[in-house]
Amino acid sequence: MDHSVYRHFERFVKGKCSFGDVTIELCNKFREYILSAKQVRHPKMTITRNSAVGYRSTSRILLKEAYKERLLKENLNDFIEDIEYE
């Protein structure tokens, strides 16, 4: 897993999230978060849009795997808008 995505998600959920907490709404809010979040290594700089695309791609893979492993009841990716490259 991309450690940057993990760190941003951990920051986003304030360190507390179980699979039961992962919903379409949470995923959409995380999508919005990564579009405006500050970088982990350079906290004065915002994540670039192309980095946000990569983070979204990684989160799609994680959601798909969680669904395959039956940790999620539905494939949430079907309901979350992608982020387009600049």
N, C-alpha and C. Protein backbone atom coordinates (compact mmCIF):
# COMPACT_ATOMS: atom_id res chain seq x y z
N MET A 1 0.84 -1.17 0.00
CA MET A 1 0.00 0.00 0.00
C MET A 1 0.89 1.24 0.00
N ASP A 2 0.43 2.24 -0.69
CA ASP A 2 1.11 3.52 -0.71
C ASP A 2 1.01 4.14 0.68
N HIS A 3 2.15 4.37 1.30
CA HIS A 3 2.14 4.90 2.67
C HIS A 3 1.56 6.30 2.75
N SER A 4 1.69 7.08 1.69
CA SER A 4 1.12 8.43 1.69
C SER A 4 -0.40 8.36 1.79
N VAL A 5 -1.00 7.45 1.04
CA VAL A 5 -2.46 7.30 1.09
C VAL A 5 -2.87 6.89 2.50
N TYR A 6 -2.15 5.95 3.07
CA TYR A 6 -2.47 5.49 4.43
C TYR A 6 -2.37 6.65 5.42
N ARG A 7 -1.29 7.43 5.34
CA ARG A 7 -1.11 8.54 6.28
C ARG A 7 -2.22 9.58 6.12
N HIS A 8 -2.59 9.85 4.87
CA HIS A 8 -3.67 10.82 4.66
C HIS A 8 -5.00 10.27 5.16
N PHE A 9 -5.27 9.00 4.92
CA PHE A 9 -6.53 8.43 5.40
C PHE A 9 -6.55 8.42 6.92
N GLU A 10 -5.44 8.06 7.52
CA GLU A 10 -5.36 8.04 8.99
C GLU A 10 -5.60 9.45 9.55
N ARG A 11 -5.01 10.44 8.92
CA ARG A 11 -5.22 11.83 9.33
C ARG A 11 -6.70 12.21 9.14
N PHE A 12 -7.27 11.82 8.02
CA PHE A 12 -8.65 12.15 7.68
C PHE A 12 -9.63 11.59 8.71
N VAL A 13 -9.43 10.33 9.11
CA VAL A 13 -10.35 9.69 10.07
C VAL A 13 -9.89 9.86 11.52
N LYS A 14 -8.86 10.65 11.69
CA LYS A 14 -8.30 10.92 13.03
C LYS A 14 -7.90 9.62 13.74
N GLY A 15 -7.38 8.66 12.96
CA GLY A 15 -6.85 7.43 13.52
C GLY A 15 -7.87 6.37 13.90
N LYS A 16 -9.15 6.64 13.63
CA LYS A 16 -10.18 5.68 14.05
C LYS A 16 -11.11 5.35 12.88
N CYS A 17 -11.02 4.11 12.40
CA CYS A 17 -11.90 3.67 11.33
C CYS A 17 -11.86 2.15 11.24
N SER A 18 -13.02 1.54 11.20
CA SER A 18 -13.12 0.10 10.98
C SER A 18 -13.81 -0.11 9.63
N PHE A 19 -13.82 -1.33 9.13
CA PHE A 19 -14.48 -1.59 7.85
C PHE A 19 -15.97 -1.25 7.91
N GLY A 20 -16.57 -1.40 9.08
CA GLY A 20 -17.97 -1.04 9.23
C GLY A 20 -18.22 0.45 9.06
N ASP A 21 -17.17 1.25 9.25
CA ASP A 21 -17.28 2.71 9.09
C ASP A 21 -17.13 3.16 7.64
N VAL A 22 -16.64 2.27 6.78
CA VAL A 22 -16.35 2.65 5.40
C VAL A 22 -17.64 2.62 4.59
N THR A 23 -18.09 3.81 4.22
CA THR A 23 -19.34 3.98 3.48
C THR A 23 -19.08 4.82 2.23
N ILE A 24 -20.08 4.90 1.38
CA ILE A 24 -19.97 5.76 0.19
C ILE A 24 -19.70 7.20 0.63
N GLU A 25 -20.42 7.64 1.63
CA GLU A 25 -20.26 9.02 2.11
C GLU A 25 -18.83 9.27 2.62
N LEU A 26 -18.30 8.34 3.41
CA LEU A 26 -16.93 8.49 3.91
C LEU A 26 -15.94 8.54 2.75
N CYS A 27 -16.11 7.66 1.78
CA CYS A 27 -15.20 7.62 0.63
C CYS A 27 -15.28 8.90 -0.20
N ASN A 28 -16.48 9.42 -0.37
CA ASN A 28 -16.62 10.68 -1.10
C ASN A 28 -16.00 11.85 -0.33
N LYS A 29 -16.14 11.84 0.97
CA LYS A 29 -15.51 12.88 1.79
C LYS A 29 -13.99 12.77 1.73
N PHE A 30 -13.47 11.54 1.71
CA PHE A 30 -12.02 11.36 1.60
C PHE A 30 -11.54 11.84 0.24
N ARG A 31 -12.32 11.59 -0.80
CA ARG A 31 -11.99 12.08 -2.14
C ARG A 31 -11.87 13.60 -2.13
N GLU A 32 -12.82 14.26 -1.50
CA GLU A 32 -12.77 15.73 -1.40
C GLU A 32 -11.58 16.18 -0.56
N TYR A 33 -11.31 15.45 0.50
CA TYR A 33 -10.17 15.76 1.37
C TYR A 33 -8.86 15.75 0.58
N ILE A 34 -8.63 14.69 -0.20
CA ILE A 34 -7.34 14.61 -0.89
C ILE A 34 -7.21 15.64 -2.01
N LEU A 35 -8.30 16.21 -2.44
CA LEU A 35 -8.23 17.27 -3.45
C LEU A 35 -7.77 18.60 -2.86
N SER A 36 -7.78 18.72 -1.53
CA SER A 36 -7.38 19.99 -0.92
C SER A 36 -6.42 19.83 0.26
N ALA A 37 -6.00 18.62 0.56
CA ALA A 37 -5.15 18.36 1.72
C ALA A 37 -3.73 18.89 1.52
N LYS A 38 -3.09 19.14 2.64
CA LYS A 38 -1.68 19.53 2.63
C LYS A 38 -0.82 18.28 2.52
N GLN A 39 0.34 18.43 1.91
CA GLN A 39 1.28 17.32 1.77
C GLN A 39 1.79 16.89 3.14
N VAL A 40 2.11 15.62 3.29
CA VAL A 40 2.62 15.10 4.55
C VAL A 40 4.04 15.62 4.79
N ARG A 41 4.88 15.56 3.79
CA ARG A 41 6.28 15.98 3.95
C ARG A 41 6.49 17.48 3.87
N HIS A 42 5.61 18.17 3.18
CA HIS A 42 5.71 19.62 3.02
C HIS A 42 4.36 20.24 3.39
N PRO A 43 4.10 20.37 4.70
CA PRO A 43 2.77 20.77 5.17
C PRO A 43 2.29 22.15 4.71
N LYS A 44 3.15 22.95 4.13
CA LYS A 44 2.70 24.25 3.62
C LYS A 44 2.21 24.15 2.19
N MET A 45 2.44 23.00 1.56
CA MET A 45 2.05 22.80 0.17
C MET A 45 0.86 21.85 0.07
N THR A 46 -0.05 22.15 -0.86
CA THR A 46 -1.22 21.30 -1.10
C THR A 46 -0.83 20.15 -2.03
N ILE A 47 -1.49 19.03 -1.87
CA ILE A 47 -1.28 17.88 -2.75
C ILE A 47 -1.63 18.32 -4.18
N THR A 48 -0.81 17.91 -5.14
CA THR A 48 -1.13 18.24 -6.53
C THR A 48 -2.30 17.39 -7.00
N ARG A 49 -2.98 17.87 -7.99
CA ARG A 49 -4.13 17.13 -8.53
C ARG A 49 -3.69 15.76 -9.03
N ASN A 50 -2.55 15.69 -9.69
CA ASN A 50 -2.08 14.41 -10.22
C ASN A 50 -1.73 13.44 -9.09
N SER A 51 -1.23 13.95 -7.97
CA SER A 51 -1.00 13.07 -6.81
C SER A 51 -2.33 12.59 -6.25
N ALA A 52 -3.32 13.47 -6.22
CA ALA A 52 -4.66 13.09 -5.75
C ALA A 52 -5.22 11.97 -6.62
N VAL A 53 -4.95 12.03 -7.93
CA VAL A 53 -5.39 10.97 -8.85
C VAL A 53 -4.75 9.65 -8.42
N GLY A 54 -3.47 9.66 -8.13
CA GLY A 54 -2.77 8.45 -7.69
C GLY A 54 -3.31 7.92 -6.38
N TYR A 55 -3.60 8.82 -5.43
CA TYR A 55 -4.16 8.41 -4.15
C TYR A 55 -5.53 7.77 -4.34
N ARG A 56 -6.34 8.36 -5.22
CA ARG A 56 -7.66 7.82 -5.50
C ARG A 56 -7.54 6.43 -6.14
N SER A 57 -6.58 6.29 -7.03
CA SER A 57 -6.35 5.00 -7.68
C SER A 57 -5.98 3.93 -6.65
N THR A 58 -5.10 4.29 -5.73
CA THR A 58 -4.70 3.35 -4.68
C THR A 58 -5.89 3.01 -3.79
N SER A 59 -6.69 4.00 -3.45
CA SER A 59 -7.86 3.72 -2.59
C SER A 59 -8.86 2.84 -3.33
N ARG A 60 -8.98 2.99 -4.65
CA ARG A 60 -9.87 2.12 -5.44
C ARG A 60 -9.42 0.66 -5.32
N ILE A 61 -8.13 0.44 -5.43
CA ILE A 61 -7.58 -0.91 -5.33
C ILE A 61 -7.87 -1.50 -3.95
N LEU A 62 -7.66 -0.70 -2.91
CA LEU A 62 -7.90 -1.17 -1.54
C LEU A 62 -9.38 -1.50 -1.31
N LEU A 63 -10.27 -0.64 -1.83
CA LEU A 63 -11.70 -0.91 -1.68
C LEU A 63 -12.11 -2.17 -2.43
N LYS A 64 -11.54 -2.36 -3.62
CA LYS A 64 -11.85 -3.55 -4.41
C LYS A 64 -11.40 -4.82 -3.68
N GLU A 65 -10.20 -4.78 -3.11
CA GLU A 65 -9.68 -5.94 -2.37
C GLU A 65 -10.53 -6.21 -1.12
N ALA A 66 -10.92 -5.16 -0.43
CA ALA A 66 -11.76 -5.34 0.77
C ALA A 66 -13.10 -5.97 0.40
N TYR A 67 -13.64 -5.58 -0.74
CA TYR A 67 -14.89 -6.16 -1.21
C TYR A 67 -14.70 -7.64 -1.58
N LYS A 68 -13.62 -7.94 -2.28
CA LYS A 68 -13.33 -9.33 -2.65
C LYS A 68 -13.15 -10.21 -1.42
N GLU A 69 -12.54 -9.64 -0.38
CA GLU A 69 -12.30 -10.39 0.86
C GLU A 69 -13.53 -10.41 1.76
N ARG A 70 -14.62 -9.80 1.27
CA ARG A 70 -15.90 -9.74 1.98
C ARG A 70 -15.82 -8.93 3.28
N LEU A 71 -14.90 -7.96 3.29
CA LEU A 71 -14.82 -7.05 4.42
C LEU A 71 -15.80 -5.89 4.23
N LEU A 72 -16.20 -5.68 2.98
CA LEU A 72 -17.23 -4.68 2.63
C LEU A 72 -18.36 -5.41 1.94
N LYS A 73 -19.59 -4.97 2.15
CA LYS A 73 -20.75 -5.65 1.59
C LYS A 73 -21.03 -5.30 0.14
N GLU A 74 -20.49 -4.16 -0.33
CA GLU A 74 -20.68 -3.77 -1.73
C GLU A 74 -19.41 -3.11 -2.24
N ASN A 75 -19.28 -3.11 -3.57
CA ASN A 75 -18.13 -2.47 -4.19
C ASN A 75 -18.39 -0.97 -4.23
N LEU A 76 -17.84 -0.26 -3.28
CA LEU A 76 -18.09 1.17 -3.14
C LEU A 76 -17.56 1.98 -4.31
N ASN A 77 -16.60 1.43 -5.05
CA ASN A 77 -16.03 2.15 -6.19
C ASN A 77 -17.09 2.51 -7.23
N ASP A 78 -18.16 1.73 -7.29
CA ASP A 78 -19.22 2.00 -8.26
C ASP A 78 -19.93 3.33 -7.99
N PHE A 79 -19.75 3.87 -6.79
CA PHE A 79 -20.49 5.05 -6.37
C PHE A 79 -19.62 6.28 -6.12
N ILE A 80 -18.31 6.14 -6.35
CA ILE A 80 -17.39 7.23 -6.06
C ILE A 80 -16.80 7.77 -7.36
N GLU A 81 -16.90 9.06 -7.53
CA GLU A 81 -16.41 9.70 -8.74
C GLU A 81 -14.88 9.69 -8.76
N ASP A 82 -14.32 9.40 -9.93
CA ASP A 82 -12.87 9.44 -10.07
C ASP A 82 -12.38 10.87 -10.10
N ILE A 83 -11.09 11.02 -10.00
CA ILE A 83 -10.43 12.32 -10.13
C ILE A 83 -9.67 12.31 -11.44
N GLU A 84 -9.84 13.33 -12.23
CA GLU A 84 -9.19 13.41 -13.54
C GLU A 84 -7.82 14.08 -13.42
N TYR A 85 -6.87 13.61 -14.25
CA TYR A 85 -5.55 14.26 -14.32
C TYR A 85 -5.69 15.66 -14.86
N GLU A 86 -4.75 16.51 -14.47
CA GLU A 86 -4.69 17.85 -15.05
C GLU A 86 -4.03 17.79 -16.41
